Amino acid sequence: MIDAAVYKQVMGSFPCGVTVITTLDDDGQVVGLTASAFSSLSMEPALVLFCPNYSSDSYPVLIRNKRFAIHVLSGVQQKEAYAFARKGKDKAEGIEWTLSELGNPLLANATAIIECELWREYEGGDHAIMVGAVRNLIVPQRETGPLVYCNGKMGALPAVA
């Protein structure tokens, strides 16, 4: 048997980028979640994946809408990461965002944004494995460093030589 606390400690020692996945609910409000379980999957077709917890209040909305925006957060977006990591509504309160041509809410100041349509969903224990077909890529005008998560802490990635 694997000890859950040790498992979390070991997995938490792997540095990873921080993403926020957003969509709109039926009332036009921004919903979403923070995820470090994100990866590119395929070049042809262009596919990415992320893994939301089934207990996330945003998970049913993401499945129902079948479209979403994945934001690779910049080092200055800890506020956004924490806001979308919590339960409840009004996660985007006080956070600057616009609506894309594809109907996705886009957060300002991200390192990059990937707009997707749901391609497939798979079971992954207590998390879903959601695969998105990439429909649009957004790279900001100015280059920004990413936000990283490791050992329970978030921070800007220092410049890599």
N, C-alpha and C. Protein backbone atom coordinates (compact mmCIF):
# COMPACT_ATOMS: atom_id res chain seq x y z
N MET A 1 0.83 -1.19 0.00
CA MET A 1 0.00 0.00 0.00
C MET A 1 0.88 1.25 0.00
N ILE A 2 0.51 2.23 -0.77
CA ILE A 2 1.25 3.49 -0.87
C ILE A 2 0.69 4.48 0.15
N ASP A 3 1.56 5.07 0.95
CA ASP A 3 1.17 6.08 1.93
C ASP A 3 0.84 7.37 1.19
N ALA A 4 -0.38 7.90 1.37
CA ALA A 4 -0.84 9.08 0.64
C ALA A 4 0.03 10.31 0.92
N ALA A 5 0.45 10.49 2.15
CA ALA A 5 1.27 11.66 2.49
C ALA A 5 2.63 11.59 1.80
N VAL A 6 3.22 10.40 1.77
CA VAL A 6 4.52 10.24 1.11
C VAL A 6 4.35 10.41 -0.41
N TYR A 7 3.26 9.87 -0.94
CA TYR A 7 2.98 10.01 -2.38
C TYR A 7 2.90 11.50 -2.75
N LYS A 8 2.14 12.28 -1.98
CA LYS A 8 2.02 13.72 -2.24
C LYS A 8 3.37 14.42 -2.14
N GLN A 9 4.17 14.03 -1.14
CA GLN A 9 5.49 14.64 -0.95
C GLN A 9 6.39 14.35 -2.15
N VAL A 10 6.41 13.10 -2.60
CA VAL A 10 7.26 12.72 -3.74
C VAL A 10 6.78 13.42 -5.01
N MET A 11 5.48 13.39 -5.29
CA MET A 11 4.96 14.03 -6.50
C MET A 11 5.16 15.53 -6.45
N GLY A 12 5.06 16.12 -5.26
CA GLY A 12 5.24 17.55 -5.10
C GLY A 12 6.66 18.02 -5.30
N SER A 13 7.61 17.09 -5.28
CA SER A 13 9.01 17.47 -5.49
C SER A 13 9.36 17.64 -6.96
N PHE A 14 8.42 17.32 -7.84
CA PHE A 14 8.63 17.48 -9.28
C PHE A 14 8.16 18.87 -9.69
N PRO A 15 9.06 19.78 -10.09
CA PRO A 15 8.64 21.12 -10.48
C PRO A 15 7.78 21.07 -11.75
N CYS A 16 6.73 21.86 -11.75
CA CYS A 16 5.87 21.89 -12.94
C CYS A 16 5.31 23.29 -13.13
N GLY A 17 4.88 23.53 -14.33
CA GLY A 17 4.22 24.79 -14.64
C GLY A 17 2.82 24.81 -14.05
N VAL A 18 2.24 26.00 -13.98
CA VAL A 18 0.90 26.17 -13.43
C VAL A 18 0.00 26.70 -14.54
N THR A 19 -1.15 26.05 -14.70
CA THR A 19 -2.13 26.48 -15.68
C THR A 19 -3.46 26.78 -15.00
N VAL A 20 -4.25 27.61 -15.64
CA VAL A 20 -5.65 27.81 -15.26
C VAL A 20 -6.47 27.52 -16.49
N ILE A 21 -7.48 26.68 -16.31
CA ILE A 21 -8.38 26.32 -17.41
C ILE A 21 -9.69 27.04 -17.17
N THR A 22 -10.19 27.77 -18.16
CA THR A 22 -11.42 28.55 -18.00
C THR A 22 -12.45 28.20 -19.07
N THR A 23 -13.70 28.42 -18.70
CA THR A 23 -14.84 28.33 -19.61
C THR A 23 -15.93 29.20 -19.00
N LEU A 24 -17.08 29.28 -19.66
CA LEU A 24 -18.21 30.04 -19.13
C LEU A 24 -19.31 29.09 -18.68
N ASP A 25 -20.00 29.44 -17.59
CA ASP A 25 -21.14 28.63 -17.18
C ASP A 25 -22.39 29.10 -17.94
N ASP A 26 -23.53 28.52 -17.64
CA ASP A 26 -24.77 28.84 -18.35
C ASP A 26 -25.21 30.28 -18.15
N ASP A 27 -24.73 30.92 -17.09
CA ASP A 27 -25.07 32.32 -16.80
C ASP A 27 -24.04 33.30 -17.35
N GLY A 28 -23.04 32.80 -18.08
CA GLY A 28 -22.01 33.66 -18.65
C GLY A 28 -20.94 34.05 -17.66
N GLN A 29 -20.87 33.36 -16.52
CA GLN A 29 -19.84 33.63 -15.52
C GLN A 29 -18.61 32.76 -15.79
N VAL A 30 -17.43 33.30 -15.50
CA VAL A 30 -16.19 32.55 -15.69
C VAL A 30 -16.09 31.48 -14.61
N VAL A 31 -15.85 30.25 -15.05
CA VAL A 31 -15.55 29.15 -14.12
C VAL A 31 -14.23 28.54 -14.58
N GLY A 32 -13.58 27.86 -13.67
CA GLY A 32 -12.32 27.24 -14.06
C GLY A 32 -11.60 26.64 -12.88
N LEU A 33 -10.41 26.17 -13.16
CA LEU A 33 -9.62 25.50 -12.14
C LEU A 33 -8.14 25.68 -12.43
N THR A 34 -7.35 25.52 -11.38
CA THR A 34 -5.90 25.56 -11.50
C THR A 34 -5.41 24.13 -11.63
N ALA A 35 -4.50 23.89 -12.56
CA ALA A 35 -3.99 22.53 -12.79
C ALA A 35 -2.50 22.56 -13.09
N SER A 36 -1.77 21.69 -12.43
CA SER A 36 -0.37 21.49 -12.79
C SER A 36 -0.23 20.23 -13.63
N ALA A 37 -1.27 19.40 -13.64
CA ALA A 37 -1.27 18.20 -14.47
C ALA A 37 -1.73 18.59 -15.88
N PHE A 38 -0.78 19.04 -16.69
CA PHE A 38 -1.02 19.52 -18.05
C PHE A 38 0.14 19.07 -18.92
N SER A 39 -0.16 18.73 -20.18
CA SER A 39 0.91 18.32 -21.08
C SER A 39 0.45 18.43 -22.53
N SER A 40 1.43 18.62 -23.42
CA SER A 40 1.13 18.44 -24.83
C SER A 40 1.02 16.93 -25.05
N LEU A 41 0.26 16.54 -26.05
CA LEU A 41 0.03 15.12 -26.29
C LEU A 41 0.39 14.71 -27.71
N SER A 42 -0.04 15.50 -28.69
CA SER A 42 0.15 15.11 -30.08
C SER A 42 0.32 16.35 -30.95
N MET A 43 1.14 16.21 -31.98
CA MET A 43 1.33 17.29 -32.94
C MET A 43 0.31 17.21 -34.07
N GLU A 44 -0.01 15.99 -34.48
CA GLU A 44 -0.95 15.78 -35.60
C GLU A 44 -1.91 14.66 -35.25
N PRO A 45 -3.11 14.98 -34.80
CA PRO A 45 -3.63 16.33 -34.64
C PRO A 45 -3.03 17.00 -33.41
N ALA A 46 -3.15 18.32 -33.35
CA ALA A 46 -2.63 19.07 -32.20
C ALA A 46 -3.55 18.83 -31.01
N LEU A 47 -3.01 18.11 -30.00
CA LEU A 47 -3.78 17.76 -28.81
C LEU A 47 -2.98 18.08 -27.55
N VAL A 48 -3.68 18.50 -26.51
CA VAL A 48 -3.10 18.71 -25.19
C VAL A 48 -4.01 18.01 -24.18
N LEU A 49 -3.48 17.82 -22.97
CA LEU A 49 -4.32 17.22 -21.94
C LEU A 49 -4.10 17.89 -20.60
N PHE A 50 -5.14 17.82 -19.77
CA PHE A 50 -5.04 18.23 -18.38
C PHE A 50 -5.93 17.30 -17.57
N CYS A 51 -5.71 17.29 -16.27
CA CYS A 51 -6.36 16.29 -15.43
C CYS A 51 -7.07 16.93 -14.24
N PRO A 52 -8.35 17.28 -14.39
CA PRO A 52 -9.10 17.85 -13.27
C PRO A 52 -9.60 16.76 -12.33
N ASN A 53 -9.71 17.12 -11.06
CA ASN A 53 -10.29 16.22 -10.08
C ASN A 53 -11.80 16.13 -10.35
N TYR A 54 -12.35 14.92 -10.25
CA TYR A 54 -13.79 14.75 -10.46
C TYR A 54 -14.60 15.59 -9.48
N SER A 55 -14.04 15.89 -8.30
CA SER A 55 -14.78 16.65 -7.30
C SER A 55 -14.75 18.16 -7.56
N SER A 56 -14.01 18.60 -8.56
CA SER A 56 -13.96 20.03 -8.89
C SER A 56 -15.33 20.51 -9.30
N ASP A 57 -15.74 21.68 -8.79
CA ASP A 57 -17.04 22.23 -9.18
C ASP A 57 -17.03 22.71 -10.64
N SER A 58 -15.86 22.87 -11.23
CA SER A 58 -15.76 23.29 -12.63
C SER A 58 -15.82 22.12 -13.60
N TYR A 59 -15.51 20.92 -13.12
CA TYR A 59 -15.45 19.75 -14.01
C TYR A 59 -16.76 19.54 -14.79
N PRO A 60 -17.94 19.54 -14.16
CA PRO A 60 -19.17 19.32 -14.96
C PRO A 60 -19.41 20.39 -16.02
N VAL A 61 -19.02 21.63 -15.71
CA VAL A 61 -19.21 22.72 -16.68
C VAL A 61 -18.27 22.53 -17.87
N LEU A 62 -17.03 22.14 -17.61
CA LEU A 62 -16.07 21.88 -18.69
C LEU A 62 -16.56 20.77 -19.61
N ILE A 63 -17.09 19.70 -19.03
CA ILE A 63 -17.61 18.58 -19.83
C ILE A 63 -18.81 19.01 -20.66
N ARG A 64 -19.70 19.77 -20.03
CA ARG A 64 -20.93 20.21 -20.72
C ARG A 64 -20.61 21.17 -21.86
N ASN A 65 -19.69 22.12 -21.63
CA ASN A 65 -19.37 23.13 -22.65
C ASN A 65 -18.56 22.59 -23.80
N LYS A 66 -17.69 21.63 -23.51
CA LYS A 66 -16.82 21.02 -24.52
C LYS A 66 -15.85 22.00 -25.17
N ARG A 67 -15.62 23.15 -24.51
CA ARG A 67 -14.59 24.09 -24.99
C ARG A 67 -14.02 24.81 -23.78
N PHE A 68 -12.75 25.21 -23.91
CA PHE A 68 -12.07 25.82 -22.79
C PHE A 68 -10.78 26.47 -23.26
N ALA A 69 -10.24 27.34 -22.40
CA ALA A 69 -8.95 27.97 -22.65
C ALA A 69 -8.00 27.54 -21.54
N ILE A 70 -6.81 27.12 -21.93
CA ILE A 70 -5.76 26.73 -20.99
C ILE A 70 -4.74 27.86 -20.97
N HIS A 71 -4.53 28.45 -19.80
CA HIS A 71 -3.60 29.56 -19.63
C HIS A 71 -2.33 29.06 -18.97
N VAL A 72 -1.20 29.22 -19.63
CA VAL A 72 0.09 28.95 -19.00
C VAL A 72 0.40 30.22 -18.22
N LEU A 73 0.33 30.14 -16.90
CA LEU A 73 0.44 31.35 -16.09
C LEU A 73 1.85 31.90 -16.06
N SER A 74 1.93 33.22 -16.00
CA SER A 74 3.22 33.90 -15.88
C SER A 74 3.58 34.03 -14.42
N GLY A 75 4.82 34.36 -14.17
CA GLY A 75 5.33 34.48 -12.81
C GLY A 75 4.62 35.49 -11.95
N VAL A 76 3.85 36.41 -12.56
CA VAL A 76 3.14 37.44 -11.80
C VAL A 76 1.68 37.06 -11.54
N GLN A 77 1.30 35.81 -11.83
CA GLN A 77 -0.11 35.43 -11.73
C GLN A 77 -0.43 34.48 -10.57
N GLN A 78 0.24 34.64 -9.46
CA GLN A 78 -0.08 33.81 -8.30
C GLN A 78 -1.52 34.05 -7.83
N LYS A 79 -1.99 35.29 -7.91
CA LYS A 79 -3.36 35.63 -7.52
C LYS A 79 -4.35 34.77 -8.31
N GLU A 80 -4.14 34.68 -9.62
CA GLU A 80 -5.02 33.88 -10.47
C GLU A 80 -4.95 32.40 -10.12
N ALA A 81 -3.74 31.91 -9.88
CA ALA A 81 -3.56 30.49 -9.53
C ALA A 81 -4.33 30.15 -8.27
N TYR A 82 -4.21 30.98 -7.24
CA TYR A 82 -4.91 30.71 -5.98
C TYR A 82 -6.41 30.90 -6.11
N ALA A 83 -6.84 31.91 -6.88
CA ALA A 83 -8.27 32.16 -7.05
C ALA A 83 -8.97 30.96 -7.71
N PHE A 84 -8.36 30.40 -8.74
CA PHE A 84 -9.00 29.30 -9.46
C PHE A 84 -8.75 27.95 -8.80
N ALA A 85 -7.89 27.91 -7.79
CA ALA A 85 -7.65 26.66 -7.05
C ALA A 85 -8.71 26.44 -5.97
N ARG A 86 -9.43 27.48 -5.59
CA ARG A 86 -10.40 27.33 -4.53
C ARG A 86 -11.75 26.86 -5.07
N LYS A 87 -12.58 26.36 -4.17
CA LYS A 87 -13.95 25.96 -4.51
C LYS A 87 -14.83 27.19 -4.54
N GLY A 88 -15.98 27.03 -5.16
CA GLY A 88 -16.99 28.08 -5.14
C GLY A 88 -17.06 28.90 -6.41
N LYS A 89 -17.92 29.91 -6.34
CA LYS A 89 -18.16 30.78 -7.49
C LYS A 89 -17.31 32.03 -7.38
N ASP A 90 -17.45 32.89 -8.39
CA ASP A 90 -16.77 34.19 -8.43
C ASP A 90 -15.25 34.08 -8.37
N LYS A 91 -14.69 33.03 -8.97
CA LYS A 91 -13.24 32.86 -8.96
C LYS A 91 -12.53 33.96 -9.73
N ALA A 92 -13.21 34.54 -10.72
CA ALA A 92 -12.58 35.57 -11.56
C ALA A 92 -12.82 36.97 -11.04
N GLU A 93 -13.41 37.11 -9.86
CA GLU A 93 -13.67 38.43 -9.31
C GLU A 93 -12.35 39.17 -9.10
N GLY A 94 -12.26 40.37 -9.68
CA GLY A 94 -11.06 41.18 -9.56
C GLY A 94 -9.93 40.78 -10.50
N ILE A 95 -10.20 39.83 -11.39
CA ILE A 95 -9.18 39.36 -12.34
C ILE A 95 -9.56 39.84 -13.74
N GLU A 96 -8.60 40.45 -14.44
CA GLU A 96 -8.86 40.99 -15.78
C GLU A 96 -8.98 39.85 -16.80
N TRP A 97 -10.07 39.88 -17.58
CA TRP A 97 -10.26 38.88 -18.63
C TRP A 97 -11.10 39.47 -19.76
N THR A 98 -10.99 38.84 -20.94
CA THR A 98 -11.79 39.21 -22.11
C THR A 98 -12.37 37.94 -22.71
N LEU A 99 -13.34 38.09 -23.57
CA LEU A 99 -13.95 36.94 -24.24
C LEU A 99 -13.33 36.79 -25.63
N SER A 100 -12.88 35.57 -25.96
CA SER A 100 -12.26 35.33 -27.26
C SER A 100 -13.33 35.17 -28.34
N GLU A 101 -12.88 35.17 -29.58
CA GLU A 101 -13.79 34.93 -30.71
C GLU A 101 -14.41 33.54 -30.65
N LEU A 102 -13.73 32.60 -29.99
CA LEU A 102 -14.24 31.24 -29.85
C LEU A 102 -15.17 31.08 -28.65
N GLY A 103 -15.36 32.16 -27.89
CA GLY A 103 -16.27 32.13 -26.75
C GLY A 103 -15.65 31.70 -25.44
N ASN A 104 -14.32 31.75 -25.35
CA ASN A 104 -13.64 31.38 -24.13
C ASN A 104 -13.19 32.62 -23.36
N PRO A 105 -13.30 32.60 -22.01
CA PRO A 105 -12.73 33.69 -21.24
C PRO A 105 -11.21 33.58 -21.21
N LEU A 106 -10.54 34.69 -21.54
CA LEU A 106 -9.08 34.72 -21.59
C LEU A 106 -8.55 35.64 -20.51
N LEU A 107 -7.68 35.11 -19.66
CA LEU A 107 -7.08 35.90 -18.59
C LEU A 107 -5.93 36.73 -19.14
N ALA A 108 -5.81 37.95 -18.65
CA ALA A 108 -4.71 38.84 -19.06
C ALA A 108 -3.41 38.36 -18.44
N ASN A 109 -2.30 38.65 -19.10
CA ASN A 109 -0.93 38.45 -18.60
C ASN A 109 -0.42 37.02 -18.59
N ALA A 110 -1.09 36.09 -19.26
CA ALA A 110 -0.60 34.71 -19.32
C ALA A 110 0.63 34.63 -20.22
N THR A 111 1.46 33.64 -19.97
CA THR A 111 2.63 33.38 -20.81
C THR A 111 2.20 32.91 -22.19
N ALA A 112 1.13 32.11 -22.23
CA ALA A 112 0.55 31.61 -23.47
C ALA A 112 -0.85 31.11 -23.17
N ILE A 113 -1.71 31.06 -24.20
CA ILE A 113 -3.08 30.56 -24.04
C ILE A 113 -3.36 29.58 -25.17
N ILE A 114 -3.98 28.46 -24.82
CA ILE A 114 -4.34 27.42 -25.78
C ILE A 114 -5.85 27.24 -25.72
N GLU A 115 -6.54 27.58 -26.79
CA GLU A 115 -7.99 27.39 -26.83
C GLU A 115 -8.28 26.03 -27.45
N CYS A 116 -9.18 25.29 -26.80
CA CYS A 116 -9.45 23.90 -27.21
C CYS A 116 -10.94 23.58 -27.26
N GLU A 117 -11.22 22.53 -28.02
CA GLU A 117 -12.51 21.83 -27.95
C GLU A 117 -12.21 20.47 -27.34
N LEU A 118 -13.13 19.97 -26.52
CA LEU A 118 -12.93 18.66 -25.92
C LEU A 118 -12.88 17.60 -27.02
N TRP A 119 -11.82 16.83 -27.05
CA TRP A 119 -11.62 15.77 -28.04
C TRP A 119 -12.01 14.42 -27.46
N ARG A 120 -11.51 14.10 -26.25
CA ARG A 120 -11.82 12.85 -25.56
C ARG A 120 -11.68 13.07 -24.06
N GLU A 121 -12.33 12.21 -23.31
CA GLU A 121 -12.15 12.18 -21.86
C GLU A 121 -11.93 10.73 -21.45
N TYR A 122 -10.99 10.52 -20.55
CA TYR A 122 -10.67 9.19 -20.05
C TYR A 122 -10.70 9.20 -18.53
N GLU A 123 -10.93 8.04 -17.95
CA GLU A 123 -10.88 7.91 -16.49
C GLU A 123 -9.43 7.82 -16.05
N GLY A 124 -9.13 8.44 -14.93
CA GLY A 124 -7.77 8.40 -14.38
C GLY A 124 -7.81 8.39 -12.86
N GLY A 125 -8.40 7.35 -12.26
CA GLY A 125 -8.51 7.28 -10.81
C GLY A 125 -9.49 8.33 -10.32
N ASP A 126 -9.02 9.23 -9.41
CA ASP A 126 -9.90 10.27 -8.89
C ASP A 126 -9.88 11.53 -9.76
N HIS A 127 -9.18 11.48 -10.88
CA HIS A 127 -9.12 12.59 -11.82
C HIS A 127 -9.56 12.13 -13.21
N ALA A 128 -10.13 13.06 -13.97
CA ALA A 128 -10.41 12.82 -15.38
C ALA A 128 -9.15 13.16 -16.17
N ILE A 129 -9.00 12.55 -17.32
CA ILE A 129 -7.95 12.93 -18.27
C ILE A 129 -8.70 13.54 -19.44
N MET A 130 -8.65 14.86 -19.53
CA MET A 130 -9.38 15.57 -20.58
C MET A 130 -8.40 15.95 -21.69
N VAL A 131 -8.69 15.50 -22.89
CA VAL A 131 -7.86 15.78 -24.05
C VAL A 131 -8.56 16.84 -24.90
N GLY A 132 -7.84 17.92 -25.16
CA GLY A 132 -8.39 19.01 -25.96
C GLY A 132 -7.75 19.09 -27.32
N ALA A 133 -8.59 19.27 -28.34
CA ALA A 133 -8.09 19.54 -29.69
C ALA A 133 -7.82 21.04 -29.78
N VAL A 134 -6.59 21.39 -30.12
CA VAL A 134 -6.18 22.79 -30.14
C VAL A 134 -6.85 23.50 -31.32
N ARG A 135 -7.53 24.61 -31.01
CA ARG A 135 -8.21 25.40 -32.04
C ARG A 135 -7.58 26.77 -32.24
N ASN A 136 -6.84 27.27 -31.23
CA ASN A 136 -6.22 28.58 -31.35
C ASN A 136 -5.08 28.67 -30.34
N LEU A 137 -4.00 29.32 -30.75
CA LEU A 137 -2.85 29.55 -29.88
C LEU A 137 -2.62 31.05 -29.77
N ILE A 138 -2.40 31.51 -28.54
CA ILE A 138 -2.18 32.93 -28.31
C ILE A 138 -0.84 33.10 -27.58
N VAL A 139 0.04 33.86 -28.19
CA VAL A 139 1.33 34.18 -27.58
C VAL A 139 1.32 35.69 -27.38
N PRO A 140 1.57 36.16 -26.15
CA PRO A 140 1.52 37.61 -25.91
C PRO A 140 2.62 38.37 -26.64
N GLN A 141 2.40 39.67 -26.80
CA GLN A 141 3.35 40.54 -27.48
C GLN A 141 4.69 40.59 -26.75
N ARG A 142 4.62 40.63 -25.41
CA ARG A 142 5.86 40.68 -24.63
C ARG A 142 6.09 39.33 -23.96
N GLU A 143 7.34 38.92 -23.94
CA GLU A 143 7.70 37.64 -23.37
C GLU A 143 7.67 37.72 -21.84
N THR A 144 7.06 36.72 -21.21
CA THR A 144 7.00 36.67 -19.74
C THR A 144 7.45 35.29 -19.28
N GLY A 145 8.07 35.23 -18.12
CA GLY A 145 8.49 33.95 -17.55
C GLY A 145 7.32 33.24 -16.89
N PRO A 146 7.38 31.92 -16.83
CA PRO A 146 6.26 31.14 -16.30
C PRO A 146 6.24 31.06 -14.77
N LEU A 147 5.06 30.71 -14.25
CA LEU A 147 4.87 30.42 -12.84
C LEU A 147 5.11 28.92 -12.66
N VAL A 148 5.88 28.55 -11.63
CA VAL A 148 6.15 27.13 -11.38
C VAL A 148 5.71 26.76 -9.96
N TYR A 149 5.43 25.48 -9.79
CA TYR A 149 4.99 24.93 -8.51
C TYR A 149 5.91 23.78 -8.13
N CYS A 150 6.41 23.81 -6.89
CA CYS A 150 7.27 22.73 -6.41
C CYS A 150 7.28 22.75 -4.88
N ASN A 151 7.18 21.58 -4.28
CA ASN A 151 7.21 21.44 -2.82
C ASN A 151 6.22 22.36 -2.12
N GLY A 152 5.02 22.47 -2.70
CA GLY A 152 3.97 23.25 -2.07
C GLY A 152 4.08 24.75 -2.20
N LYS A 153 5.02 25.22 -3.03
CA LYS A 153 5.21 26.66 -3.21
C LYS A 153 5.14 27.03 -4.66
N MET A 154 4.67 28.26 -4.92
CA MET A 154 4.63 28.79 -6.27
C MET A 154 5.54 30.00 -6.37
N GLY A 155 6.13 30.17 -7.56
CA GLY A 155 6.94 31.36 -7.79
C GLY A 155 7.33 31.46 -9.24
N ALA A 156 7.88 32.62 -9.59
CA ALA A 156 8.34 32.85 -10.95
C ALA A 156 9.59 32.01 -11.20
N LEU A 157 9.69 31.45 -12.38
CA LEU A 157 10.89 30.71 -12.76
C LEU A 157 11.98 31.73 -13.07
N PRO A 158 13.13 31.62 -12.40
CA PRO A 158 14.22 32.55 -12.71
C PRO A 158 14.69 32.35 -14.14
N ALA A 159 15.32 33.35 -14.69
CA ALA A 159 15.83 33.25 -16.05
C ALA A 159 16.74 32.04 -16.18
N VAL A 160 16.51 31.26 -17.21
CA VAL A 160 17.32 30.07 -17.48
C VAL A 160 18.39 30.45 -18.50
N ALA A 161 19.65 30.18 -18.16
CA ALA A 161 20.76 30.54 -19.06
C ALA A 161 20.87 29.55 -20.18
